[in-house]
Amino acid sequence: MNAEMNADLNRLRRKKLFLFDIDGTLALGDTLYEGSAELLAHIDAVGGRAYYITNNSTRSGQDYVERFRRAFRLETTEDQFITSGYMTLRFLQAHFPQGKIFVLGTASFTAELEKNGLRVTETADGDIDCIVAAYDSELTYEKLIQACRALSTTDAPFYGTNPDLCCPIDFGFVPDCGAICNMLTDATGRKPVYLGKPSASVVELGLSLSGFSREETLVVGDRLYTDIACGINGGVDTCVVFTGEAKPEDMADTPYPADYCFSDIKELLMHCTGAL
């Protein structure tokens, strides 16, 4: 633990609202990291609340409830999952409720938008009011062509669900939404506005749902430019764990310094409970 990078541990033990990234932080795939279940139980025991802030837009909140129950044997509620897909849905409902929205994303992501009353297209024909790109595990070259056509032939605003360049998987990483958007930017010159982490609105939603204060809140993640930046943008304390993308050596020169730095969730648990 780097003393210069870690804030007062007594302050850490007073945290009640925990905004957790999932993959690379609490778990990898269907494997829950050691200490994750115990930390979540501790949060419940002290009257706190855990929310899960993920930039994976391929799953709905209900999908995550089922995943946590099946893979981790953890009971959660749909409102605990603040996904980049959900943040995008809220934004589109507020700003383009009647608009025609071009979407590059999975079939489930597109269906979720349609289920909530939005008018979606996957072809670049006709009038388009905005363009949205998401992490797409079903990506094809034809989808990229349609997205480039929409970006090149209209001046519709361009949004991305999240800026993550890579998504953790059992053997390493695969391209995420940020990498897909970079391809589109390289081809068309158009840059997206991202709606998930690191937007401060993710923290604001967690505060609103929970009723806790900023002083009682901690964002926990493994990625500096999304997770830690999200907490910084939202004005709350942050904690990075080195079980995903970020490494200890990254902390020497980063624009997103975390308040707390731990090797893994188990070490965070030990500091939260004072079991040192």
Protein backbone atom coordinates (compact mmCIF):
# COMPACT_ATOMS: atom_id res chain seq x y z
CA MET A 1 0.00 0.00 0.00
CA ASN A 2 1.37 3.40 -1.04
CA ALA A 3 0.92 5.73 1.93
CA GLU A 4 1.04 8.84 -0.28
CA MET A 5 -1.78 7.52 -2.48
CA ASN A 6 -4.02 6.22 0.33
CA ALA A 7 -6.17 8.53 2.40
CA ASP A 8 -7.20 8.27 6.04
CA LEU A 9 -8.27 4.65 6.70
CA ASN A 10 -10.62 5.78 9.47
CA ARG A 11 -12.57 7.65 6.79
CA LEU A 12 -12.73 4.46 4.74
CA ARG A 13 -14.37 2.59 7.61
CA ARG A 14 -17.18 5.15 7.69
CA LYS A 15 -18.23 4.48 4.10
CA LYS A 16 -21.80 3.28 3.58
CA LEU A 17 -22.45 3.59 -0.17
CA PHE A 18 -20.16 1.47 -2.35
CA LEU A 19 -20.31 1.88 -6.13
CA PHE A 20 -18.57 -1.21 -7.50
CA ASP A 21 -17.31 -1.98 -10.94
CA ILE A 22 -17.86 -5.71 -11.57
CA ASP A 23 -15.51 -7.37 -14.09
CA GLY A 24 -11.90 -7.10 -12.98
CA THR A 25 -12.98 -5.71 -9.59
CA LEU A 26 -15.41 -8.07 -7.85
CA ALA A 27 -15.25 -10.93 -10.33
CA LEU A 28 -13.99 -12.20 -13.65
CA GLY A 29 -16.58 -13.96 -15.77
CA ASP A 30 -18.45 -16.35 -13.48
CA THR A 31 -15.69 -16.42 -10.85
CA LEU A 32 -16.16 -14.20 -7.80
CA TYR A 33 -12.89 -12.93 -6.35
CA GLU A 34 -11.97 -13.97 -2.82
CA GLY A 35 -13.33 -11.44 -0.34
CA SER A 36 -16.09 -10.05 -2.59
CA ALA A 37 -19.00 -11.90 -0.96
CA GLU A 38 -17.64 -11.10 2.50
CA LEU A 39 -17.29 -7.39 1.69
CA LEU A 40 -20.86 -7.23 0.38
CA ALA A 41 -22.07 -8.97 3.56
CA HIS A 42 -20.13 -6.45 5.66
CA ILE A 43 -21.75 -3.53 3.82
CA ASP A 44 -25.20 -4.96 4.57
CA ALA A 45 -24.24 -5.56 8.21
CA VAL A 46 -23.28 -1.90 8.78
CA GLY A 47 -26.46 -0.61 7.15
CA GLY A 48 -24.80 0.33 3.89
CA ARG A 49 -25.74 -0.28 0.30
CA ALA A 50 -23.86 -1.65 -2.70
CA TYR A 51 -24.57 -0.59 -6.26
CA TYR A 52 -22.88 -2.00 -9.33
CA ILE A 53 -21.71 0.52 -11.92
CA THR A 54 -20.71 -1.33 -15.06
CA ASN A 55 -19.90 -0.12 -18.55
CA ASN A 56 -21.05 -3.44 -20.03
CA SER A 57 -24.10 -2.45 -22.07
CA THR A 58 -24.85 -5.97 -23.33
CA ARG A 59 -26.74 -6.96 -20.16
CA SER A 60 -29.86 -5.44 -18.59
CA GLY A 61 -30.28 -5.01 -14.85
CA GLN A 62 -32.43 -8.15 -14.75
CA ASP A 63 -29.73 -10.07 -16.63
CA TYR A 64 -27.27 -9.09 -13.90
CA VAL A 65 -29.67 -10.12 -11.12
CA GLU A 66 -29.89 -13.57 -12.71
CA ARG A 67 -26.11 -13.72 -13.28
CA PHE A 68 -25.34 -12.84 -9.65
CA ARG A 69 -27.80 -15.48 -8.44
CA ARG A 70 -26.63 -18.20 -10.82
CA ALA A 71 -22.87 -17.61 -10.87
CA PHE A 72 -22.21 -16.04 -7.46
CA ARG A 73 -25.17 -17.19 -5.36
CA LEU A 74 -25.78 -13.57 -4.40
CA GLU A 75 -29.24 -12.03 -4.16
CA THR A 76 -29.54 -8.55 -5.67
CA THR A 77 -32.26 -6.27 -7.03
CA GLU A 78 -32.49 -4.76 -10.48
CA ASP A 79 -32.16 -1.19 -9.19
CA GLN A 80 -28.67 -2.00 -7.82
CA PHE A 81 -27.25 -2.20 -11.34
CA ILE A 82 -26.34 1.10 -12.96
CA THR A 83 -25.14 0.02 -16.39
CA SER A 84 -23.90 2.17 -19.26
CA GLY A 85 -26.85 0.80 -21.20
CA TYR A 86 -29.26 2.08 -18.56
CA MET A 87 -27.55 5.49 -18.46
CA THR A 88 -27.81 5.63 -22.26
CA LEU A 89 -31.49 4.67 -22.13
CA ARG A 90 -32.22 7.43 -19.61
CA PHE A 91 -30.34 9.98 -21.73
CA LEU A 92 -32.14 8.98 -24.95
CA GLN A 93 -35.55 9.05 -23.26
CA ALA A 94 -34.83 12.55 -21.99
CA HIS A 95 -33.38 14.01 -25.20
CA PHE A 96 -34.73 11.92 -28.12
CA PRO A 97 -38.08 10.50 -26.93
CA GLN A 98 -39.63 10.67 -30.41
CA GLY A 99 -36.42 10.61 -32.44
CA LYS A 100 -35.09 8.00 -34.86
CA ILE A 101 -31.98 6.51 -33.27
CA PHE A 102 -29.31 4.63 -35.20
CA VAL A 103 -27.80 1.96 -32.95
CA LEU A 104 -24.68 -0.16 -33.30
CA GLY A 105 -25.03 -2.77 -30.53
CA THR A 106 -26.19 -6.23 -29.59
CA ALA A 107 -29.69 -7.46 -30.33
CA SER A 108 -30.50 -7.44 -26.59
CA PHE A 109 -29.33 -3.82 -26.22
CA THR A 110 -31.42 -2.74 -29.19
CA ALA A 111 -34.43 -4.67 -27.88
CA GLU A 112 -34.09 -3.00 -24.46
CA LEU A 113 -34.24 0.45 -26.09
CA GLU A 114 -37.28 -0.54 -28.15
CA LYS A 115 -39.01 -2.09 -25.13
CA ASN A 116 -38.74 1.29 -23.42
CA GLY A 117 -40.47 3.14 -26.24
CA LEU A 118 -37.54 4.36 -28.33
CA ARG A 119 -37.54 4.27 -32.14
CA VAL A 120 -34.44 2.37 -33.25
CA THR A 121 -32.87 1.59 -36.61
CA GLU A 122 -29.77 -0.39 -37.62
CA THR A 123 -29.62 0.97 -41.18
CA ALA A 124 -28.41 4.42 -42.20
CA ASP A 125 -31.39 5.17 -44.47
CA GLY A 126 -33.67 8.18 -44.04
CA ASP A 127 -33.61 10.82 -41.34
CA ILE A 128 -31.61 9.99 -38.21
CA ASP A 129 -31.78 12.11 -35.05
CA CYS A 130 -28.81 10.59 -33.22
CA ILE A 131 -26.24 7.81 -33.49
CA VAL A 132 -25.36 5.46 -30.61
CA ALA A 133 -22.53 2.92 -30.46
CA ALA A 134 -22.28 0.30 -27.71
CA TYR A 135 -20.08 -2.66 -26.85
CA ASP A 136 -21.15 -5.19 -29.46
CA SER A 137 -20.18 -8.84 -29.06
CA GLU A 138 -22.16 -9.50 -32.27
CA LEU A 139 -20.22 -6.94 -34.32
CA THR A 140 -20.02 -7.46 -38.11
CA TYR A 141 -18.34 -5.46 -40.83
CA GLU A 142 -21.76 -4.63 -42.28
CA LYS A 143 -22.69 -2.98 -38.97
CA LEU A 144 -19.51 -0.87 -39.17
CA ILE A 145 -20.36 0.13 -42.75
CA GLN A 146 -23.86 1.23 -41.72
CA ALA A 147 -22.46 3.21 -38.78
CA CYS A 148 -19.89 4.92 -40.98
CA ARG A 149 -22.61 5.77 -43.49
CA ALA A 150 -24.75 7.32 -40.75
CA LEU A 151 -21.80 9.31 -39.40
CA SER A 152 -20.64 10.45 -42.84
CA THR A 153 -23.96 11.40 -44.40
CA THR A 154 -25.70 13.08 -41.46
CA ASP A 155 -24.81 15.62 -38.80
CA ALA A 156 -26.74 13.68 -36.15
CA PRO A 157 -24.97 13.76 -32.76
CA PHE A 158 -22.80 10.74 -31.98
CA TYR A 159 -22.88 9.01 -28.57
CA GLY A 160 -21.04 6.02 -27.13
CA THR A 161 -22.20 4.01 -24.15
CA ASN A 162 -18.69 3.92 -22.65
CA PRO A 163 -15.05 4.74 -23.49
CA ASP A 164 -13.51 1.43 -22.29
CA LEU A 165 -10.95 0.23 -24.81
CA CYS A 166 -10.93 -3.38 -23.69
CA CYS A 167 -13.23 -5.76 -21.83
CA PRO A 168 -11.75 -8.43 -19.50
CA ILE A 169 -12.34 -12.05 -20.42
CA ASP A 170 -11.00 -15.36 -19.09
CA PHE A 171 -7.90 -15.32 -21.36
CA GLY A 172 -7.19 -11.58 -21.21
CA PHE A 173 -9.07 -8.79 -23.02
CA VAL A 174 -11.24 -8.16 -26.10
CA PRO A 175 -12.14 -4.81 -27.76
CA ASP A 176 -14.80 -2.82 -25.93
CA CYS A 177 -16.98 0.12 -26.97
CA GLY A 178 -14.12 2.65 -26.88
CA ALA A 179 -12.11 0.57 -29.35
CA ILE A 180 -15.12 0.22 -31.64
CA CYS A 181 -15.74 3.97 -31.47
CA ASN A 182 -12.07 4.62 -32.25
CA MET A 183 -12.47 2.64 -35.48
CA LEU A 184 -15.48 4.77 -36.39
CA THR A 185 -13.62 7.98 -35.51
CA ASP A 186 -10.58 6.96 -37.57
CA ALA A 187 -12.84 6.26 -40.55
CA THR A 188 -15.15 9.29 -40.33
CA GLY A 189 -13.47 11.92 -38.14
CA ARG A 190 -16.52 11.93 -35.83
CA LYS A 191 -15.91 11.61 -32.07
CA PRO A 192 -18.60 10.42 -29.65
CA VAL A 193 -19.81 11.82 -26.35
CA TYR A 194 -19.72 8.97 -23.82
CA LEU A 195 -22.71 8.42 -21.49
CA GLY A 196 -21.53 5.77 -18.99
CA LYS A 197 -18.50 5.93 -16.71
CA PRO A 198 -16.66 8.29 -16.22
CA SER A 199 -19.73 10.55 -16.33
CA ALA A 200 -20.53 12.17 -12.98
CA SER A 201 -24.19 11.31 -13.63
CA VAL A 202 -23.42 7.69 -12.65
CA VAL A 203 -22.42 8.81 -9.14
CA GLU A 204 -25.35 11.23 -8.97
CA LEU A 205 -27.79 8.40 -9.71
CA GLY A 206 -26.24 6.22 -7.01
CA LEU A 207 -26.55 9.05 -4.48
CA SER A 208 -30.14 9.71 -5.48
CA LEU A 209 -31.17 6.05 -5.25
CA SER A 210 -29.45 5.39 -1.92
CA GLY A 211 -29.90 8.62 0.02
CA PHE A 212 -26.31 8.55 1.27
CA SER A 213 -23.98 11.55 1.13
CA ARG A 214 -20.85 12.07 -0.94
CA GLU A 215 -18.77 11.74 2.22
CA GLU A 216 -20.25 8.28 2.81
CA THR A 217 -19.57 7.12 -0.75
CA LEU A 218 -16.73 5.12 -2.32
CA VAL A 219 -16.27 4.18 -5.98
CA VAL A 220 -14.31 0.93 -6.36
CA GLY A 221 -12.86 -0.24 -9.67
CA ASP A 222 -9.89 -1.60 -11.58
CA ARG A 223 -9.70 0.96 -14.38
CA LEU A 224 -8.36 4.47 -13.87
CA TYR A 225 -9.84 6.36 -16.83
CA THR A 226 -13.39 5.08 -16.27
CA ASP A 227 -13.92 3.87 -12.68
CA ILE A 228 -11.60 6.21 -10.79
CA ALA A 229 -12.32 9.13 -13.14
CA CYS A 230 -16.04 8.56 -12.52
CA GLY A 231 -15.57 8.95 -8.78
CA ILE A 232 -13.37 12.00 -9.22
CA ASN A 233 -15.92 13.60 -11.57
CA GLY A 234 -18.68 12.80 -9.08
CA GLY A 235 -16.80 14.34 -6.15
CA VAL A 236 -16.48 11.16 -4.05
CA ASP A 237 -13.61 9.05 -2.72
CA THR A 238 -12.19 6.34 -4.95
CA CYS A 239 -10.43 2.99 -4.56
CA VAL A 240 -8.49 1.10 -7.22
CA VAL A 241 -7.81 -2.64 -6.96
CA PHE A 242 -5.04 -4.22 -9.02
CA THR A 243 -6.94 -7.29 -10.21
CA GLY A 244 -7.89 -5.92 -13.61
CA GLU A 245 -6.44 -3.34 -15.98
CA ALA A 246 -4.67 -0.91 -13.63
CA LYS A 247 -1.25 -1.85 -12.23
CA PRO A 248 0.64 -0.35 -9.25
CA GLU A 249 3.18 1.27 -11.57
CA ASP A 250 0.36 3.19 -13.31
CA MET A 251 -0.18 5.22 -10.15
CA ALA A 252 3.13 7.06 -10.50
CA ASP A 253 1.89 9.19 -13.39
CA THR A 254 -1.87 9.30 -13.87
CA PRO A 255 -4.40 12.13 -14.18
CA TYR A 256 -6.80 9.90 -12.18
CA PRO A 257 -5.14 9.24 -8.80
CA ALA A 258 -7.21 7.02 -6.51
CA ASP A 259 -7.64 7.88 -2.81
CA TYR A 260 -7.07 4.23 -1.86
CA CYS A 261 -4.98 1.59 -3.64
CA PHE A 262 -5.23 -2.10 -2.75
CA SER A 263 -4.01 -5.31 -4.33
CA ASP A 264 -7.50 -6.84 -4.37
CA ILE A 265 -10.98 -6.76 -2.84
CA LYS A 266 -9.86 -8.94 0.06
CA GLU A 267 -7.38 -6.26 1.14
CA LEU A 268 -10.11 -3.59 0.87
CA LEU A 269 -12.34 -5.79 3.06
CA MET A 270 -9.62 -6.05 5.70
CA HIS A 271 -9.26 -2.28 5.87
CA CYS A 272 -13.04 -1.69 5.96
CA THR A 273 -13.47 -4.09 8.86
CA GLY A 274 -10.23 -3.21 10.66
CA ALA A 275 -9.12 -6.85 10.46
CA LEU A 276 -5.43 -6.06 10.06
